[in-house]
PDB file of N, CA and C in Angstrom:
ATOM      1  N   MET A   1     -13.125  -6.030  18.908  1.00  0.00           N
ATOM      2  CA  MET A   1     -13.905  -5.130  18.142  1.00  0.00           C
ATOM      3  C   MET A   1     -14.407  -3.931  19.012  1.00  0.00           C
ATOM      4  N   ALA A   2     -14.836  -4.229  20.214  1.00  0.00           N
ATOM      5  CA  ALA A   2     -15.403  -3.186  21.154  1.00  0.00           C
ATOM      6  C   ALA A   2     -14.266  -2.170  21.427  1.00  0.00           C
ATOM      7  N   ILE A   3     -13.049  -2.631  21.572  1.00  0.00           N
ATOM      8  CA  ILE A   3     -11.984  -1.693  21.895  1.00  0.00           C
ATOM      9  C   ILE A   3     -11.655  -0.868  20.679  1.00  0.00           C
ATOM     10  N   TYR A   4     -11.426  -1.479  19.575  1.00  0.00           N
ATOM     11  CA  TYR A   4     -11.072  -0.780  18.361  1.00  0.00           C
ATOM     12  C   TYR A   4     -12.093   0.215  17.962  1.00  0.00           C
ATOM     13  N   GLU A   5     -13.403  -0.137  18.075  1.00  0.00           N
ATOM     14  CA  GLU A   5     -14.466   0.763  17.647  1.00  0.00           C
ATOM     15  C   GLU A   5     -14.542   2.016  18.455  1.00  0.00           C
ATOM     16  N   THR A   6     -13.879   2.073  19.661  1.00  0.00           N
ATOM     17  CA  THR A   6     -13.886   3.333  20.455  1.00  0.00           C
ATOM     18  C   THR A   6     -12.846   4.283  19.930  1.00  0.00           C
ATOM     19  N   ILE A   7     -11.802   3.789  19.204  1.00  0.00           N
ATOM     20  CA  ILE A   7     -10.731   4.672  18.747  1.00  0.00           C
ATOM     21  C   ILE A   7     -10.585   4.747  17.226  1.00  0.00           C
ATOM     22  N   ILE A   8     -11.221   3.783  16.493  1.00  0.00           N
ATOM     23  CA  ILE A   8     -10.977   3.720  15.062  1.00  0.00           C
ATOM     24  C   ILE A   8     -12.424   3.928  14.377  1.00  0.00           C
ATOM     25  N   GLU A   9     -12.394   4.727  13.397  1.00  0.00           N
ATOM     26  CA  GLU A   9     -13.700   5.057  12.738  1.00  0.00           C
ATOM     27  C   GLU A   9     -14.247   3.792  11.980  1.00  0.00           C
ATOM     28  N   TRP A  10     -13.446   3.092  11.300  1.00  0.00           N
ATOM     29  CA  TRP A  10     -13.870   1.982  10.429  1.00  0.00           C
ATOM     30  C   TRP A  10     -13.205   0.681  10.800  1.00  0.00           C
ATOM     31  N   THR A  11     -14.057  -0.328  11.175  1.00  0.00           N
ATOM     32  CA  THR A  11     -13.524  -1.641  11.504  1.00  0.00           C
ATOM     33  C   THR A  11     -14.232  -2.727  10.669  1.00  0.00           C
ATOM     34  N   VAL A  12     -13.557  -3.881  10.518  1.00  0.00           N
ATOM     35  CA  VAL A  12     -14.144  -4.907   9.657  1.00  0.00           C
ATOM     36  C   VAL A  12     -14.065  -6.183  10.584  1.00  0.00           C
ATOM     37  N   PRO A  13     -15.196  -6.725  10.949  1.00  0.00           N
ATOM     38  CA  PRO A  13     -15.172  -7.887  11.797  1.00  0.00           C
ATOM     39  C   PRO A  13     -14.705  -9.097  10.926  1.00  0.00           C
ATOM     40  N   VAL A  14     -13.924  -9.968  11.616  1.00  0.00           N
ATOM     41  CA  VAL A  14     -13.479 -11.241  10.956  1.00  0.00           C
ATOM     42  C   VAL A  14     -13.664 -12.356  11.963  1.00  0.00           C
ATOM     43  N   SER A  15     -13.531 -13.554  11.536  1.00  0.00           N
ATOM     44  CA  SER A  15     -13.915 -14.749  12.373  1.00  0.00           C
ATOM     45  C   SER A  15     -12.859 -15.026  13.521  1.00  0.00           C
ATOM     46  N   SER A  16     -11.658 -14.553  13.338  1.00  0.00           N
ATOM     47  CA  SER A  16     -10.653 -14.870  14.321  1.00  0.00           C
ATOM     48  C   SER A  16      -9.483 -13.906  14.329  1.00  0.00           C
ATOM     49  N   THR A  17      -8.614 -13.915  15.379  1.00  0.00           N
ATOM     50  CA  THR A  17      -7.474 -13.075  15.363  1.00  0.00           C
ATOM     51  C   THR A  17      -6.426 -13.574  14.274  1.00  0.00           C
ATOM     52  N   ARG A  18      -6.509 -14.909  14.020  1.00  0.00           N
ATOM     53  CA  ARG A  18      -5.606 -15.453  12.945  1.00  0.00           C
ATOM     54  C   ARG A  18      -5.913 -14.855  11.583  1.00  0.00           C
ATOM     55  N   VAL A  19      -7.220 -14.708  11.282  1.00  0.00           N
ATOM     56  CA  VAL A  19      -7.610 -14.056  10.063  1.00  0.00           C
ATOM     57  C   VAL A  19      -7.234 -12.608  10.011  1.00  0.00           C
ATOM     58  N   ALA A  20      -7.393 -11.880  11.150  1.00  0.00           N
ATOM     59  CA  ALA A  20      -7.008 -10.516  11.219  1.00  0.00           C
ATOM     60  C   ALA A  20      -5.478 -10.330  11.050  1.00  0.00           C
ATOM     61  N   GLU A  21      -4.718 -11.182  11.673  1.00  0.00           N
ATOM     62  CA  GLU A  21      -3.255 -11.079  11.453  1.00  0.00           C
ATOM     63  C   GLU A  21      -2.814 -11.486  10.038  1.00  0.00           C
ATOM     64  N   ALA A  22      -3.460 -12.551   9.540  1.00  0.00           N
ATOM     65  CA  ALA A  22      -3.172 -12.919   8.127  1.00  0.00           C
ATOM     66  C   ALA A  22      -3.500 -11.831   7.150  1.00  0.00           C
ATOM     67  N   ALA A  23      -4.641 -11.142   7.347  1.00  0.00           N
ATOM     68  CA  ALA A  23      -4.999 -10.023   6.494  1.00  0.00           C
ATOM     69  C   ALA A  23      -4.035  -8.872   6.627  1.00  0.00           C
ATOM     70  N   LYS A  24      -3.471  -8.562   7.771  1.00  0.00           N
ATOM     71  CA  LYS A  24      -2.505  -7.545   8.000  1.00  0.00           C
ATOM     72  C   LYS A  24      -1.214  -7.978   7.320  1.00  0.00           C
ATOM     73  N   LEU A  25      -0.857  -9.184   7.412  1.00  0.00           N
ATOM     74  CA  LEU A  25       0.421  -9.712   6.702  1.00  0.00           C
ATOM     75  C   LEU A  25       0.231  -9.591   5.192  1.00  0.00           C
ATOM     76  N   LEU A  26      -0.952  -9.938   4.634  1.00  0.00           N
ATOM     77  CA  LEU A  26      -1.124  -9.863   3.229  1.00  0.00           C
ATOM     78  C   LEU A  26      -1.084  -8.441   2.780  1.00  0.00           C
ATOM     79  N   GLU A  27      -1.713  -7.520   3.449  1.00  0.00           N
ATOM     80  CA  GLU A  27      -1.641  -6.121   3.077  1.00  0.00           C
ATOM     81  C   GLU A  27      -0.266  -5.554   3.150  1.00  0.00           C
ATOM     82  N   ASN A  28       0.487  -5.893   4.146  1.00  0.00           N
ATOM     83  CA  ASN A  28       1.821  -5.343   4.250  1.00  0.00           C
ATOM     84  C   ASN A  28       2.732  -5.936   3.172  1.00  0.00           C
ATOM     85  N   ILE A  29       2.611  -7.277   2.792  1.00  0.00           N
ATOM     86  CA  ILE A  29       3.403  -7.896   1.762  1.00  0.00           C
ATOM     87  C   ILE A  29       3.052  -7.219   0.375  1.00  0.00           C
ATOM     88  N   TYR A  30       1.760  -7.052   0.156  1.00  0.00           N
ATOM     89  CA  TYR A  30       1.294  -6.353  -1.044  1.00  0.00           C
ATOM     90  C   TYR A  30       1.930  -5.011  -1.189  1.00  0.00           C
ATOM     91  N   CYS A  31       1.904  -4.246  -0.141  1.00  0.00           N
ATOM     92  CA  CYS A  31       2.474  -2.997  -0.138  1.00  0.00           C
ATOM     93  C   CYS A  31       3.940  -2.976  -0.425  1.00  0.00           C
ATOM     94  N   PHE A  32       4.730  -3.898   0.317  1.00  0.00           N
ATOM     95  CA  PHE A  32       6.111  -4.020   0.194  1.00  0.00           C
ATOM     96  C   PHE A  32       6.540  -4.443  -1.193  1.00  0.00           C
ATOM     97  N   VAL A  33       5.786  -5.374  -1.896  1.00  0.00           N
ATOM     98  CA  VAL A  33       6.175  -5.784  -3.232  1.00  0.00           C
ATOM     99  C   VAL A  33       5.930  -4.640  -4.212  1.00  0.00           C
ATOM    100  N   ASN A  34       4.870  -3.865  -4.081  1.00  0.00           N
ATOM    101  CA  ASN A  34       4.596  -2.744  -5.011  1.00  0.00           C
ATOM    102  C   ASN A  34       5.612  -1.648  -4.793  1.00  0.00           C
ATOM    103  N   ILE A  35       6.031  -1.343  -3.551  1.00  0.00           N
ATOM    104  CA  ILE A  35       7.042  -0.359  -3.388  1.00  0.00           C
ATOM    105  C   ILE A  35       8.386  -0.760  -3.932  1.00  0.00           C
ATOM    106  N   ALA A  36       8.726  -2.058  -3.708  1.00  0.00           N
ATOM    107  CA  ALA A  36       9.939  -2.590  -4.282  1.00  0.00           C
ATOM    108  C   ALA A  36       9.972  -2.512  -5.838  1.00  0.00           C
ATOM    109  N   LEU A  37       8.798  -2.785  -6.373  1.00  0.00           N
ATOM    110  CA  LEU A  37       8.731  -2.778  -7.938  1.00  0.00           C
ATOM    111  C   LEU A  37       8.899  -1.333  -8.397  1.00  0.00           C
ATOM    112  N   VAL A  38       8.270  -0.305  -7.690  1.00  0.00           N
ATOM    113  CA  VAL A  38       8.490   1.049  -8.115  1.00  0.00           C
ATOM    114  C   VAL A  38       9.908   1.492  -7.946  1.00  0.00           C
ATOM    115  N   ASN A  39      10.435   1.060  -6.760  1.00  0.00           N
ATOM    116  CA  ASN A  39      11.902   1.449  -6.566  1.00  0.00           C
ATOM    117  C   ASN A  39      12.840   0.841  -7.602  1.00  0.00           C
ATOM    118  N   GLY A  40      12.427  -0.358  -8.015  1.00  0.00           N
ATOM    119  CA  GLY A  40      13.331  -0.996  -9.035  1.00  0.00           C
ATOM    120  C   GLY A  40      13.067  -0.324 -10.494  1.00  0.00           C
ATOM    121  N   LEU A  41      11.963   0.151 -10.713  1.00  0.00           N
ATOM    122  CA  LEU A  41      11.572   0.720 -11.983  1.00  0.00           C
ATOM    123  C   LEU A  41      12.291   2.149 -12.090  1.00  0.00           C
ATOM    124  N   ILE A  42      12.637   2.778 -11.044  1.00  0.00           N
ATOM    125  CA  ILE A  42      13.261   4.063 -11.054  1.00  0.00           C
ATOM    126  C   ILE A  42      14.527   4.008 -11.941  1.00  0.00           C
ATOM    127  N   THR A  43      15.294   2.939 -11.784  1.00  0.00           N
ATOM    128  CA  THR A  43      16.531   2.756 -12.686  1.00  0.00           C
ATOM    129  C   THR A  43      16.216   2.692 -14.124  1.00  0.00           C
ATOM    130  N   LEU A  44      15.139   1.944 -14.472  1.00  0.00           N
ATOM    131  CA  LEU A  44      14.772   1.901 -15.882  1.00  0.00           C
ATOM    132  C   LEU A  44      14.286   3.228 -16.336  1.00  0.00           C
ATOM    133  N   PHE A  45      13.426   3.946 -15.592  1.00  0.00           N
ATOM    134  CA  PHE A  45      12.875   5.136 -15.989  1.00  0.00           C
ATOM    135  C   PHE A  45      13.996   6.220 -16.134  1.00  0.00           C
ATOM    136  N   ASP A  46      14.983   6.191 -15.242  1.00  0.00           N
ATOM    137  CA  ASP A  46      16.122   7.075 -15.356  1.00  0.00           C
ATOM    138  C   ASP A  46      16.853   6.820 -16.745  1.00  0.00           C
ATOM    139  N   ARG A  47      16.936   5.594 -17.142  1.00  0.00           N
ATOM    140  CA  ARG A  47      17.681   5.317 -18.367  1.00  0.00           C
ATOM    141  C   ARG A  47      16.916   5.821 -19.624  1.00  0.00           C
ATOM    142  N   ILE A  48      15.637   5.793 -19.545  1.00  0.00           N
ATOM    143  CA  ILE A  48      14.867   6.273 -20.633  1.00  0.00           C
ATOM    144  C   ILE A  48      14.430   7.722 -20.480  1.00  0.00           C
ATOM    145  N   HIS A  49      14.974   8.384 -19.459  1.00  0.00           N
ATOM    146  CA  HIS A  49      14.733   9.839 -19.205  1.00  0.00           C
ATOM    147  C   HIS A  49      13.244  10.104 -18.991  1.00  0.00           C
ATOM    148  N   ALA A  50      12.571   9.259 -18.175  1.00  0.00           N
ATOM    149  CA  ALA A  50      11.192   9.487 -17.811  1.00  0.00           C
ATOM    150  C   ALA A  50      11.066   9.737 -16.350  1.00  0.00           C
ATOM    151  N   ASP A  51      10.457  10.889 -15.951  1.00  0.00           N
ATOM    152  CA  ASP A  51      10.421  11.244 -14.568  1.00  0.00           C
ATOM    153  C   ASP A  51       9.433  10.319 -13.878  1.00  0.00           C
ATOM    154  N   ILE A  52       9.923   9.675 -12.710  1.00  0.00           N
ATOM    155  CA  ILE A  52       9.095   8.658 -11.994  1.00  0.00           C
ATOM    156  C   ILE A  52       7.745   9.256 -11.521  1.00  0.00           C
ATOM    157  N   TRP A  53       7.803  10.519 -11.051  1.00  0.00           N
ATOM    158  CA  TRP A  53       6.588  11.111 -10.517  1.00  0.00           C
ATOM    159  C   TRP A  53       5.543  11.431 -11.637  1.00  0.00           C
ATOM    160  N   GLU A  54       6.053  11.822 -12.803  1.00  0.00           N
ATOM    161  CA  GLU A  54       5.166  11.994 -13.908  1.00  0.00           C
ATOM    162  C   GLU A  54       4.555  10.683 -14.375  1.00  0.00           C
ATOM    163  N   VAL A  55       5.392   9.622 -14.443  1.00  0.00           N
ATOM    164  CA  VAL A  55       4.926   8.285 -14.821  1.00  0.00           C
ATOM    165  C   VAL A  55       3.807   7.861 -13.874  1.00  0.00           C
ATOM    166  N   ILE A  56       4.011   7.969 -12.516  1.00  0.00           N
ATOM    167  CA  ILE A  56       3.044   7.584 -11.507  1.00  0.00           C
ATOM    168  C   ILE A  56       1.762   8.347 -11.714  1.00  0.00           C
ATOM    169  N   GLU A  57       1.818   9.694 -11.933  1.00  0.00           N
ATOM    170  CA  GLU A  57       0.629  10.485 -12.070  1.00  0.00           C
ATOM    171  C   GLU A  57      -0.129  10.058 -13.297  1.00  0.00           C
ATOM    172  N   ALA A  58       0.590   9.783 -14.420  1.00  0.00           N
ATOM    173  CA  ALA A  58      -0.151   9.338 -15.628  1.00  0.00           C
ATOM    174  C   ALA A  58      -0.772   8.012 -15.412  1.00  0.00           C
ATOM    175  N   ALA A  59      -0.092   7.011 -14.725  1.00  0.00           N
ATOM    176  CA  ALA A  59      -0.639   5.738 -14.505  1.00  0.00           C
ATOM    177  C   ALA A  59      -1.868   5.812 -13.578  1.00  0.00           C
ATOM    178  N   LYS A  60      -1.836   6.713 -12.664  1.00  0.00           N
ATOM    179  CA  LYS A  60      -2.968   6.918 -11.633  1.00  0.00           C
ATOM    180  C   LYS A  60      -4.288   7.241 -12.344  1.00  0.00           C
ATOM    181  N   THR A  61      -4.188   7.677 -13.642  1.00  0.00           N
ATOM    182  CA  THR A  61      -5.456   8.091 -14.320  1.00  0.00           C
ATOM    183  C   THR A  61      -6.252   6.754 -14.670  1.00  0.00           C
ATOM    184  N   LYS A  62      -5.639   5.606 -14.607  1.00  0.00           N
ATOM    185  CA  LYS A  62      -6.342   4.377 -14.838  1.00  0.00           C
ATOM    186  C   LYS A  62      -6.774   3.710 -13.558  1.00  0.00           C
ATOM    187  N   LEU A  63      -7.636   4.474 -12.824  1.00  0.00           N
ATOM    188  CA  LEU A  63      -8.031   4.103 -11.469  1.00  0.00           C
ATOM    189  C   LEU A  63      -8.604   2.671 -11.391  1.00  0.00           C
ATOM    190  N   SER A  64      -9.347   2.181 -12.436  1.00  0.00           N
ATOM    191  CA  SER A  64      -9.954   0.860 -12.299  1.00  0.00           C
ATOM    192  C   SER A  64      -8.869  -0.237 -12.409  1.00  0.00           C
ATOM    193  N   VAL A  65      -7.701   0.110 -12.898  1.00  0.00           N
ATOM    194  CA  VAL A  65      -6.703  -0.952 -13.066  1.00  0.00           C
ATOM    195  C   VAL A  65      -5.507  -0.812 -12.240  1.00  0.00           C
ATOM    196  N   PHE A  66      -5.114   0.384 -11.978  1.00  0.00           N
ATOM    197  CA  PHE A  66      -3.768   0.724 -11.298  1.00  0.00           C
ATOM    198  C   PHE A  66      -3.967   1.274  -9.929  1.00  0.00           C
ATOM    199  N   ARG A  67      -3.364   0.586  -8.910  1.00  0.00           N
ATOM    200  CA  ARG A  67      -3.269   1.088  -7.584  1.00  0.00           C
ATOM    201  C   ARG A  67      -1.810   1.587  -7.351  1.00  0.00           C
ATOM    202  N   HIS A  68      -1.542   2.871  -7.235  1.00  0.00           N
ATOM    203  CA  HIS A  68      -0.231   3.336  -7.182  1.00  0.00           C
ATOM    204  C   HIS A  68       0.444   3.123  -5.809  1.00  0.00           C
ATOM    205  N   SER A  69       1.788   2.926  -5.963  1.00  0.00           N
ATOM    206  CA  SER A  69       2.724   3.015  -4.809  1.00  0.00           C
ATOM    207  C   SER A  69       3.774   3.972  -5.162  1.00  0.00           C
ATOM    208  N   ASN A  70       4.154   4.770  -4.160  1.00  0.00           N
ATOM    209  CA  ASN A  70       5.314   5.746  -4.367  1.00  0.00           C
ATOM    210  C   ASN A  70       6.589   5.087  -3.983  1.00  0.00           C
ATOM    211  N   PRO A  71       7.665   5.582  -4.597  1.00  0.00           N
ATOM    212  CA  PRO A  71       9.002   5.058  -4.133  1.00  0.00           C
ATOM    213  C   PRO A  71       9.144   5.299  -2.674  1.00  0.00           C
ATOM    214  N   ASP A  72       9.830   4.512  -1.933  1.00  0.00           N
ATOM    215  CA  ASP A  72      10.012   4.499  -0.522  1.00  0.00           C
ATOM    216  C   ASP A  72      11.245   3.998  -0.098  1.00  0.00           C
ATOM    217  N   LEU A  73      11.776   4.320   1.079  1.00  0.00           N
ATOM    218  CA  LEU A  73      13.024   3.785   1.593  1.00  0.00           C
ATOM    219  C   LEU A  73      12.951   2.421   2.152  1.00  0.00           C
ATOM    220  N   GLY A  74      11.745   1.949   2.595  1.00  0.00           N
ATOM    221  CA  GLY A  74      11.660   0.610   3.147  1.00  0.00           C
ATOM    222  C   GLY A  74      10.319   0.262   3.548  1.00  0.00           C
ATOM    223  N   TRP A  75      10.197  -0.944   4.138  1.00  0.00           N
ATOM    224  CA  TRP A  75       8.897  -1.485   4.588  1.00  0.00           C
ATOM    225  C   TRP A  75       8.665  -1.120   6.024  1.00  0.00           C
ATOM    226  N   ARG A  76       7.511  -0.502   6.274  1.00  0.00           N
ATOM    227  CA  ARG A  76       7.129  -0.075   7.652  1.00  0.00           C
ATOM    228  C   ARG A  76       5.834  -0.741   7.952  1.00  0.00           C
ATOM    229  N   GLY A  77       5.692  -1.976   8.294  1.00  0.00           N
ATOM    230  CA  GLY A  77       4.435  -2.605   8.590  1.00  0.00           C
ATOM    231  C   GLY A  77       3.767  -1.929   9.765  1.00  0.00           C
ATOM    232  N   ALA A  78       2.465  -1.829   9.736  1.00  0.00           N
ATOM    233  CA  ALA A  78       1.714  -1.165  10.867  1.00  0.00           C
ATOM    234  C   ALA A  78       1.165  -2.232  11.760  1.00  0.00           C
ATOM    235  N   ALA A  79       1.300  -1.985  13.065  1.00  0.00           N
ATOM    236  CA  ALA A  79       0.718  -2.843  14.070  1.00  0.00           C
ATOM    237  C   ALA A  79      -0.770  -2.586  14.240  1.00  0.00           C
ATOM    238  N   PHE A  80      -1.214  -1.369  13.934  1.00  0.00           N
ATOM    239  CA  PHE A  80      -2.552  -0.964  14.022  1.00  0.00           C
ATOM    240  C   PHE A  80      -3.084  -0.501  12.729  1.00  0.00           C
ATOM    241  N   PRO A  81      -4.426  -0.629  12.457  1.00  0.00           N
ATOM    242  CA  PRO A  81      -5.009  -0.217  11.184  1.00  0.00           C
ATOM    243  C   PRO A  81      -4.720   1.259  10.999  1.00  0.00           C
ATOM    244  N   ALA A  82      -4.604   1.647   9.751  1.00  0.00           N
ATOM    245  CA  ALA A  82      -4.283   3.033   9.445  1.00  0.00           C
ATOM    246  C   ALA A  82      -5.536   3.576   8.662  1.00  0.00           C
ATOM    247  N   ALA A  83      -5.513   4.897   8.560  1.00  0.00           N
ATOM    248  CA  ALA A  83      -6.648   5.529   7.810  1.00  0.00           C
ATOM    249  C   ALA A  83      -6.444   5.206   6.309  1.00  0.00           C
ATOM    250  N   ARG A  84      -7.479   4.875   5.648  1.00  0.00           N
ATOM    251  CA  ARG A  84      -7.289   4.613   4.215  1.00  0.00           C
ATOM    252  C   ARG A  84      -7.524   5.819   3.360  1.00  0.00           C
ATOM    253  N   SER A  85      -6.720   5.992   2.351  1.00  0.00           N
ATOM    254  CA  SER A  85      -6.870   7.105   1.439  1.00  0.00           C
ATOM    255  C   SER A  85      -7.338   6.630   0.144  1.00  0.00           C
ATOM    256  N   THR A  86      -8.002   7.481  -0.638  1.00  0.00           N
ATOM    257  CA  THR A  86      -8.396   7.095  -1.983  1.00  0.00           C
ATOM    258  C   THR A  86      -7.625   7.758  -3.020  1.00  0.00           C
TER     259      THR A  86
END
């Protein structure tokens, strides 16, 4: 924590490095699954002539329910925490 706090604005203490690594793994898998879902839905949306970007923007209006993922080329797990956006 002492090292991270000197270079990262926001840190979350956990009980062990195992918990920290498991949390990173869970977050990366969550991200990967959602990106894969959106990538798969592109085919469906193309068939019904719905623009993927317009669909995402409309779905983002349901902030309490929907956490958006944009289409992406692949999974890029991060070794270090990244800045969070809202």
